[in-house]
Amino acid sequence: MPTPHRPPTSWTSPSWATSSYGEPADTSPTELSALGDHLSLCAGLKGRMFATRCFCEVMHGFVASRFVTTLAVATLVIGAIALLN
């Protein structure tokens, strides 16, 4: 049984769905308040250990991407220390 012919979607009228529902797309006071709370929380997380955590994340990324090389260098360093003692 043949199916009815449907025109391409570019020929039909657009049907957009937005979250503003015809109103101006401005931020509401509630959204600004939630953003302020979020930024305060983020600023509070930068305590004494923030720089240490950043350094550890950088070192983890460096070591993880060069795992085999890191193991080889660590083995050489431990071996050299053992020989010197």
PDB file of N, CA and C in Angstrom:
ATOM      1  N   MET A   1       0.839  -1.164   0.000  1.00  0.00           N
ATOM      2  CA  MET A   1       0.000   0.000   0.000  1.00  0.00           C
ATOM      3  C   MET A   1       0.896   1.243   0.000  1.00  0.00           C
ATOM      4  N   PRO A   2       0.735   2.146  -0.925  1.00  0.00           N
ATOM      5  CA  PRO A   2       1.599   3.326  -0.990  1.00  0.00           C
ATOM      6  C   PRO A   2       1.312   4.283   0.155  1.00  0.00           C
ATOM      7  N   THR A   3       2.376   4.925   0.609  1.00  0.00           N
ATOM      8  CA  THR A   3       2.234   5.922   1.676  1.00  0.00           C
ATOM      9  C   THR A   3       1.963   7.280   1.053  1.00  0.00           C
ATOM     10  N   PRO A   4       1.219   8.142   1.724  1.00  0.00           N
ATOM     11  CA  PRO A   4       0.941   9.469   1.169  1.00  0.00           C
ATOM     12  C   PRO A   4       2.220  10.292   1.082  1.00  0.00           C
ATOM     13  N   HIS A   5       2.273  11.132   0.079  1.00  0.00           N
ATOM     14  CA  HIS A   5       3.444  11.980  -0.136  1.00  0.00           C
ATOM     15  C   HIS A   5       3.448  13.108   0.876  1.00  0.00           C
ATOM     16  N   ARG A   6       4.593  13.284   1.544  1.00  0.00           N
ATOM     17  CA  ARG A   6       4.740  14.383   2.492  1.00  0.00           C
ATOM     18  C   ARG A   6       5.789  15.326   1.952  1.00  0.00           C
ATOM     19  N   PRO A   7       5.535  16.606   1.952  1.00  0.00           N
ATOM     20  CA  PRO A   7       6.542  17.561   1.478  1.00  0.00           C
ATOM     21  C   PRO A   7       7.724  17.599   2.432  1.00  0.00           C
ATOM     22  N   PRO A   8       8.911  17.968   1.939  1.00  0.00           N
ATOM     23  CA  PRO A   8      10.067  18.107   2.837  1.00  0.00           C
ATOM     24  C   PRO A   8       9.785  19.123   3.932  1.00  0.00           C
ATOM     25  N   THR A   9      10.495  18.982   5.031  1.00  0.00           N
ATOM     26  CA  THR A   9      10.235  19.865   6.176  1.00  0.00           C
ATOM     27  C   THR A   9      10.544  21.321   5.877  1.00  0.00           C
ATOM     28  N   SER A  10      11.406  21.592   4.883  1.00  0.00           N
ATOM     29  CA  SER A  10      11.704  22.986   4.578  1.00  0.00           C
ATOM     30  C   SER A  10      10.503  23.677   3.933  1.00  0.00           C
ATOM     31  N   TRP A  11       9.557  22.921   3.419  1.00  0.00           N
ATOM     32  CA  TRP A  11       8.370  23.518   2.814  1.00  0.00           C
ATOM     33  C   TRP A  11       7.286  23.797   3.841  1.00  0.00           C
ATOM     34  N   THR A  12       7.381  23.155   4.975  1.00  0.00           N
ATOM     35  CA  THR A  12       6.364  23.374   6.003  1.00  0.00           C
ATOM     36  C   THR A  12       6.761  24.558   6.866  1.00  0.00           C
ATOM     37  N   SER A  13       5.811  25.091   7.574  1.00  0.00           N
ATOM     38  CA  SER A  13       6.103  26.238   8.431  1.00  0.00           C
ATOM     39  C   SER A  13       6.946  25.781   9.626  1.00  0.00           C
ATOM     40  N   PRO A  14       7.840  26.625  10.085  1.00  0.00           N
ATOM     41  CA  PRO A  14       8.693  26.230  11.213  1.00  0.00           C
ATOM     42  C   PRO A  14       7.887  26.124  12.497  1.00  0.00           C
ATOM     43  N   SER A  15       8.325  25.239  13.349  1.00  0.00           N
ATOM     44  CA  SER A  15       7.684  25.117  14.667  1.00  0.00           C
ATOM     45  C   SER A  15       8.787  25.091  15.716  1.00  0.00           C
ATOM     46  N   TRP A  16       9.160  26.271  16.184  1.00  0.00           N
ATOM     47  CA  TRP A  16      10.211  26.380  17.180  1.00  0.00           C
ATOM     48  C   TRP A  16       9.631  26.223  18.569  1.00  0.00           C
ATOM     49  N   ALA A  17      10.415  25.639  19.433  1.00  0.00           N
ATOM     50  CA  ALA A  17      10.024  25.527  20.833  1.00  0.00           C
ATOM     51  C   ALA A  17      11.100  26.233  21.650  1.00  0.00           C
ATOM     52  N   THR A  18      10.709  27.267  22.360  1.00  0.00           N
ATOM     53  CA  THR A  18      11.669  28.003  23.184  1.00  0.00           C
ATOM     54  C   THR A  18      11.218  27.982  24.624  1.00  0.00           C
ATOM     55  N   SER A  19      12.135  28.323  25.500  1.00  0.00           N
ATOM     56  CA  SER A  19      11.783  28.356  26.915  1.00  0.00           C
ATOM     57  C   SER A  19      11.224  29.711  27.331  1.00  0.00           C
ATOM     58  N   SER A  20      11.256  30.695  26.447  1.00  0.00           N
ATOM     59  CA  SER A  20      10.757  32.015  26.837  1.00  0.00           C
ATOM     60  C   SER A  20       9.255  32.163  26.583  1.00  0.00           C
ATOM     61  N   TYR A  21       8.668  31.297  25.793  1.00  0.00           N
ATOM     62  CA  TYR A  21       7.221  31.295  25.541  1.00  0.00           C
ATOM     63  C   TYR A  21       6.678  32.672  25.173  1.00  0.00           C
ATOM     64  N   GLY A  22       7.357  33.325  24.261  1.00  0.00           N
ATOM     65  CA  GLY A  22       6.888  34.608  23.770  1.00  0.00           C
ATOM     66  C   GLY A  22       7.320  35.800  24.598  1.00  0.00           C
ATOM     67  N   GLU A  23       7.921  35.570  25.744  1.00  0.00           N
ATOM     68  CA  GLU A  23       8.396  36.648  26.607  1.00  0.00           C
ATOM     69  C   GLU A  23       9.843  36.982  26.232  1.00  0.00           C
ATOM     70  N   PRO A  24      10.345  38.135  26.653  1.00  0.00           N
ATOM     71  CA  PRO A  24      11.761  38.432  26.407  1.00  0.00           C
ATOM     72  C   PRO A  24      12.659  37.409  27.095  1.00  0.00           C
ATOM     73  N   ALA A  25      13.726  37.043  26.437  1.00  0.00           N
ATOM     74  CA  ALA A  25      14.636  36.020  26.969  1.00  0.00           C
ATOM     75  C   ALA A  25      15.689  36.653  27.872  1.00  0.00           C
ATOM     76  N   ASP A  26      15.259  37.259  28.964  1.00  0.00           N
ATOM     77  CA  ASP A  26      16.160  37.858  29.938  1.00  0.00           C
ATOM     78  C   ASP A  26      16.330  36.906  31.112  1.00  0.00           C
ATOM     79  N   THR A  27      17.374  37.143  31.894  1.00  0.00           N
ATOM     80  CA  THR A  27      17.555  36.336  33.096  1.00  0.00           C
ATOM     81  C   THR A  27      16.613  36.835  34.181  1.00  0.00           C
ATOM     82  N   SER A  28      16.072  35.909  34.906  1.00  0.00           N
ATOM     83  CA  SER A  28      15.150  36.273  35.975  1.00  0.00           C
ATOM     84  C   SER A  28      15.928  36.512  37.264  1.00  0.00           C
ATOM     85  N   PRO A  29      15.337  37.191  38.225  1.00  0.00           N
ATOM     86  CA  PRO A  29      16.017  37.378  39.521  1.00  0.00           C
ATOM     87  C   PRO A  29      16.335  36.045  40.195  1.00  0.00           C
ATOM     88  N   THR A  30      15.494  35.040  40.005  1.00  0.00           N
ATOM     89  CA  THR A  30      15.748  33.726  40.589  1.00  0.00           C
ATOM     90  C   THR A  30      16.995  33.098  39.973  1.00  0.00           C
ATOM     91  N   GLU A  31      17.142  33.223  38.659  1.00  0.00           N
ATOM     92  CA  GLU A  31      18.322  32.682  37.988  1.00  0.00           C
ATOM     93  C   GLU A  31      19.586  33.407  38.437  1.00  0.00           C
ATOM     94  N   LEU A  32      19.504  34.722  38.573  1.00  0.00           N
ATOM     95  CA  LEU A  32      20.662  35.486  39.031  1.00  0.00           C
ATOM     96  C   LEU A  32      21.044  35.114  40.461  1.00  0.00           C
ATOM     97  N   SER A  33      20.040  34.865  41.287  1.00  0.00           N
ATOM     98  CA  SER A  33      20.306  34.456  42.661  1.00  0.00           C
ATOM     99  C   SER A  33      20.981  33.090  42.693  1.00  0.00           C
ATOM    100  N   ALA A  34      20.490  32.158  41.880  1.00  0.00           N
ATOM    101  CA  ALA A  34      21.091  30.818  41.817  1.00  0.00           C
ATOM    102  C   ALA A  34      22.525  30.894  41.300  1.00  0.00           C
ATOM    103  N   LEU A  35      22.766  31.767  40.330  1.00  0.00           N
ATOM    104  CA  LEU A  35      24.120  31.942  39.811  1.00  0.00           C
ATOM    105  C   LEU A  35      25.041  32.509  40.888  1.00  0.00           C
ATOM    106  N   GLY A  36      24.551  33.485  41.637  1.00  0.00           N
ATOM    107  CA  GLY A  36      25.335  34.058  42.729  1.00  0.00           C
ATOM    108  C   GLY A  36      25.669  33.021  43.791  1.00  0.00           C
ATOM    109  N   ASP A  37      24.690  32.161  44.133  1.00  0.00           N
ATOM    110  CA  ASP A  37      24.941  31.094  45.106  1.00  0.00           C
ATOM    111  C   ASP A  37      26.003  30.128  44.591  1.00  0.00           C
ATOM    112  N   HIS A  38      25.918  29.787  43.319  1.00  0.00           N
ATOM    113  CA  HIS A  38      26.884  28.868  42.711  1.00  0.00           C
ATOM    114  C   HIS A  38      28.292  29.473  42.725  1.00  0.00           C
ATOM    115  N   LEU A  39      28.403  30.742  42.353  1.00  0.00           N
ATOM    116  CA  LEU A  39      29.707  31.392  42.337  1.00  0.00           C
ATOM    117  C   LEU A  39      30.287  31.517  43.744  1.00  0.00           C
ATOM    118  N   SER A  40      29.438  31.764  44.732  1.00  0.00           N
ATOM    119  CA  SER A  40      29.906  31.818  46.120  1.00  0.00           C
ATOM    120  C   SER A  40      30.428  30.461  46.566  1.00  0.00           C
ATOM    121  N   LEU A  41      29.741  29.407  46.181  1.00  0.00           N
ATOM    122  CA  LEU A  41      30.179  28.062  46.520  1.00  0.00           C
ATOM    123  C   LEU A  41      31.524  27.754  45.864  1.00  0.00           C
ATOM    124  N   CYS A  42      31.662  28.112  44.598  1.00  0.00           N
ATOM    125  CA  CYS A  42      32.926  27.878  43.894  1.00  0.00           C
ATOM    126  C   CYS A  42      34.066  28.665  44.524  1.00  0.00           C
ATOM    127  N   ALA A  43      33.810  29.899  44.893  1.00  0.00           N
ATOM    128  CA  ALA A  43      34.852  30.719  45.521  1.00  0.00           C
ATOM    129  C   ALA A  43      35.238  30.149  46.879  1.00  0.00           C
ATOM    130  N   GLY A  44      34.281  29.576  47.597  1.00  0.00           N
ATOM    131  CA  GLY A  44      34.566  28.991  48.903  1.00  0.00           C
ATOM    132  C   GLY A  44      35.405  27.729  48.824  1.00  0.00           C
ATOM    133  N   LEU A  45      35.379  27.050  47.681  1.00  0.00           N
ATOM    134  CA  LEU A  45      36.151  25.823  47.528  1.00  0.00           C
ATOM    135  C   LEU A  45      37.637  26.087  47.339  1.00  0.00           C
ATOM    136  N   LYS A  46      38.005  27.324  47.101  1.00  0.00           N
ATOM    137  CA  LYS A  46      39.417  27.663  46.920  1.00  0.00           C
ATOM    138  C   LYS A  46      40.047  27.924  48.278  1.00  0.00           C
ATOM    139  N   GLY A  47      40.274  26.868  49.015  1.00  0.00           N
ATOM    140  CA  GLY A  47      40.878  26.984  50.340  1.00  0.00           C
ATOM    141  C   GLY A  47      42.391  26.884  50.265  1.00  0.00           C
ATOM    142  N   ARG A  48      42.978  26.495  51.393  1.00  0.00           N
ATOM    143  CA  ARG A  48      44.437  26.395  51.478  1.00  0.00           C
ATOM    144  C   ARG A  48      44.988  25.318  50.562  1.00  0.00           C
ATOM    145  N   MET A  49      44.224  24.268  50.344  1.00  0.00           N
ATOM    146  CA  MET A  49      44.721  23.137  49.573  1.00  0.00           C
ATOM    147  C   MET A  49      44.420  23.251  48.081  1.00  0.00           C
ATOM    148  N   PHE A  50      43.862  24.362  47.634  1.00  0.00           N
ATOM    149  CA  PHE A  50      43.473  24.505  46.230  1.00  0.00           C
ATOM    150  C   PHE A  50      44.676  24.404  45.298  1.00  0.00           C
ATOM    151  N   ALA A  51      45.750  25.092  45.606  1.00  0.00           N
ATOM    152  CA  ALA A  51      46.949  25.051  44.757  1.00  0.00           C
ATOM    153  C   ALA A  51      47.549  23.650  44.734  1.00  0.00           C
ATOM    154  N   THR A  52      47.515  22.975  45.882  1.00  0.00           N
ATOM    155  CA  THR A  52      48.036  21.606  45.936  1.00  0.00           C
ATOM    156  C   THR A  52      47.202  20.674  45.079  1.00  0.00           C
ATOM    157  N   ARG A  53      45.876  20.832  45.148  1.00  0.00           N
ATOM    158  CA  ARG A  53      45.005  19.995  44.317  1.00  0.00           C
ATOM    159  C   ARG A  53      45.252  20.248  42.848  1.00  0.00           C
ATOM    160  N   CYS A  54      45.420  21.510  42.464  1.00  0.00           N
ATOM    161  CA  CYS A  54      45.703  21.842  41.062  1.00  0.00           C
ATOM    162  C   CYS A  54      47.008  21.205  40.608  1.00  0.00           C
ATOM    163  N   PHE A  55      48.054  21.292  41.452  1.00  0.00           N
ATOM    164  CA  PHE A  55      49.336  20.697  41.116  1.00  0.00           C
ATOM    165  C   PHE A  55      49.208  19.179  40.970  1.00  0.00           C
ATOM    166  N   CYS A  56      48.468  18.554  41.867  1.00  0.00           N
ATOM    167  CA  CYS A  56      48.278  17.097  41.794  1.00  0.00           C
ATOM    168  C   CYS A  56      47.521  16.695  40.537  1.00  0.00           C
ATOM    169  N   GLU A  57      46.532  17.471  40.135  1.00  0.00           N
ATOM    170  CA  GLU A  57      45.797  17.171  38.907  1.00  0.00           C
ATOM    171  C   GLU A  57      46.699  17.283  37.684  1.00  0.00           C
ATOM    172  N   VAL A  58      47.559  18.305  37.667  1.00  0.00           N
ATOM    173  CA  VAL A  58      48.489  18.466  36.546  1.00  0.00           C
ATOM    174  C   VAL A  58      49.471  17.306  36.504  1.00  0.00           C
ATOM    175  N   MET A  59      50.012  16.929  37.656  1.00  0.00           N
ATOM    176  CA  MET A  59      50.967  15.816  37.705  1.00  0.00           C
ATOM    177  C   MET A  59      50.287  14.495  37.321  1.00  0.00           C
ATOM    178  N   HIS A  60      49.050  14.302  37.755  1.00  0.00           N
ATOM    179  CA  HIS A  60      48.326  13.083  37.389  1.00  0.00           C
ATOM    180  C   HIS A  60      48.136  13.009  35.880  1.00  0.00           C
ATOM    181  N   GLY A  61      47.775  14.116  35.259  1.00  0.00           N
ATOM    182  CA  GLY A  61      47.627  14.143  33.804  1.00  0.00           C
ATOM    183  C   GLY A  61      48.935  13.855  33.097  1.00  0.00           C
ATOM    184  N   PHE A  62      50.032  14.388  33.623  1.00  0.00           N
ATOM    185  CA  PHE A  62      51.347  14.155  33.022  1.00  0.00           C
ATOM    186  C   PHE A  62      51.757  12.698  33.166  1.00  0.00           C
ATOM    187  N   VAL A  63      51.604  12.148  34.366  1.00  0.00           N
ATOM    188  CA  VAL A  63      52.024  10.773  34.620  1.00  0.00           C
ATOM    189  C   VAL A  63      51.125   9.780  33.891  1.00  0.00           C
ATOM    190  N   ALA A  64      49.825  10.025  33.889  1.00  0.00           N
ATOM    191  CA  ALA A  64      48.899   9.086  33.254  1.00  0.00           C
ATOM    192  C   ALA A  64      49.130   8.996  31.753  1.00  0.00           C
ATOM    193  N   SER A  65      49.501  10.091  31.121  1.00  0.00           N
ATOM    194  CA  SER A  65      49.709  10.056  29.677  1.00  0.00           C
ATOM    195  C   SER A  65      51.052   9.439  29.314  1.00  0.00           C
ATOM    196  N   ARG A  66      51.971   9.342  30.279  1.00  0.00           N
ATOM    197  CA  ARG A  66      53.299   8.767  30.035  1.00  0.00           C
ATOM    198  C   ARG A  66      53.585   7.682  31.063  1.00  0.00           C
ATOM    199  N   PHE A  67      52.639   6.763  31.235  1.00  0.00           N
ATOM    200  CA  PHE A  67      52.700   5.781  32.317  1.00  0.00           C
ATOM    201  C   PHE A  67      53.934   4.883  32.221  1.00  0.00           C
ATOM    202  N   VAL A  68      54.187   4.300  31.060  1.00  0.00           N
ATOM    203  CA  VAL A  68      55.307   3.365  30.900  1.00  0.00           C
ATOM    204  C   VAL A  68      56.631   4.097  31.090  1.00  0.00           C
ATOM    205  N   THR A  69      56.745   5.278  30.512  1.00  0.00           N
ATOM    206  CA  THR A  69      57.976   6.054  30.671  1.00  0.00           C
ATOM    207  C   THR A  69      58.184   6.435  32.129  1.00  0.00           C
ATOM    208  N   THR A  70      57.119   6.799  32.816  1.00  0.00           N
ATOM    209  CA  THR A  70      57.207   7.159  34.226  1.00  0.00           C
ATOM    210  C   THR A  70      57.669   5.963  35.059  1.00  0.00           C
ATOM    211  N   LEU A  71      57.133   4.775  34.763  1.00  0.00           N
ATOM    212  CA  LEU A  71      57.564   3.576  35.482  1.00  0.00           C
ATOM    213  C   LEU A  71      59.043   3.299  35.245  1.00  0.00           C
ATOM    214  N   ALA A  72      59.501   3.454  34.015  1.00  0.00           N
ATOM    215  CA  ALA A  72      60.905   3.209  33.698  1.00  0.00           C
ATOM    216  C   ALA A  72      61.805   4.203  34.423  1.00  0.00           C
ATOM    217  N   VAL A  73      61.444   5.480  34.426  1.00  0.00           N
ATOM    218  CA  VAL A  73      62.249   6.497  35.113  1.00  0.00           C
ATOM    219  C   VAL A  73      62.236   6.254  36.619  1.00  0.00           C
ATOM    220  N   ALA A  74      61.083   5.928  37.180  1.00  0.00           N
ATOM    221  CA  ALA A  74      61.001   5.662  38.619  1.00  0.00           C
ATOM    222  C   ALA A  74      61.868   4.464  38.984  1.00  0.00           C
ATOM    223  N   THR A  75      61.857   3.416  38.161  1.00  0.00           N
ATOM    224  CA  THR A  75      62.685   2.239  38.413  1.00  0.00           C
ATOM    225  C   THR A  75      64.168   2.599  38.366  1.00  0.00           C
ATOM    226  N   LEU A  76      64.561   3.409  37.391  1.00  0.00           N
ATOM    227  CA  LEU A  76      65.959   3.833  37.296  1.00  0.00           C
ATOM    228  C   LEU A  76      66.377   4.672  38.500  1.00  0.00           C
ATOM    229  N   VAL A  77      65.510   5.572  38.928  1.00  0.00           N
ATOM    230  CA  VAL A  77      65.824   6.429  40.078  1.00  0.00           C
ATOM    231  C   VAL A  77      65.939   5.587  41.348  1.00  0.00           C
ATOM    232  N   ILE A  78      65.009   4.678  41.570  1.00  0.00           N
ATOM    233  CA  ILE A  78      65.051   3.821  42.765  1.00  0.00           C
ATOM    234  C   ILE A  78      66.281   2.929  42.712  1.00  0.00           C
ATOM    235  N   GLY A  79      66.601   2.396  41.527  1.00  0.00           N
ATOM    236  CA  GLY A  79      67.796   1.573  41.391  1.00  0.00           C
ATOM    237  C   GLY A  79      69.066   2.353  41.668  1.00  0.00           C
ATOM    238  N   ALA A  80      69.139   3.583  41.165  1.00  0.00           N
ATOM    239  CA  ALA A  80      70.325   4.418  41.381  1.00  0.00           C
ATOM    240  C   ALA A  80      70.476   4.755  42.865  1.00  0.00           C
ATOM    241  N   ILE A  81      69.375   5.045  43.543  1.00  0.00           N
ATOM    242  CA  ILE A  81      69.432   5.338  44.982  1.00  0.00           C
ATOM    243  C   ILE A  81      69.877   4.108  45.764  1.00  0.00           C
ATOM    244  N   ALA A  82      69.383   2.930  45.360  1.00  0.00           N
ATOM    245  CA  ALA A  82      69.761   1.685  46.037  1.00  0.00           C
ATOM    246  C   ALA A  82      71.250   1.401  45.845  1.00  0.00           C
ATOM    247  N   LEU A  83      71.783   1.684  44.660  1.00  0.00           N
ATOM    248  CA  LEU A  83      73.207   1.452  44.403  1.00  0.00           C
ATOM    249  C   LEU A  83      74.098   2.423  45.177  1.00  0.00           C
ATOM    250  N   LEU A  84      73.633   3.632  45.363  1.00  0.00           N
ATOM    251  CA  LEU A  84      74.424   4.639  46.057  1.00  0.00           C
ATOM    252  C   LEU A  84      74.458   4.411  47.563  1.00  0.00           C
ATOM    253  N   ASN A  85      73.472   3.718  48.081  1.00  0.00           N
ATOM    254  CA  ASN A  85      73.429   3.480  49.545  1.00  0.00           C
ATOM    255  C   ASN A  85      74.174   2.246  49.815  1.00  0.00           C
TER     256      ASN A  85
END
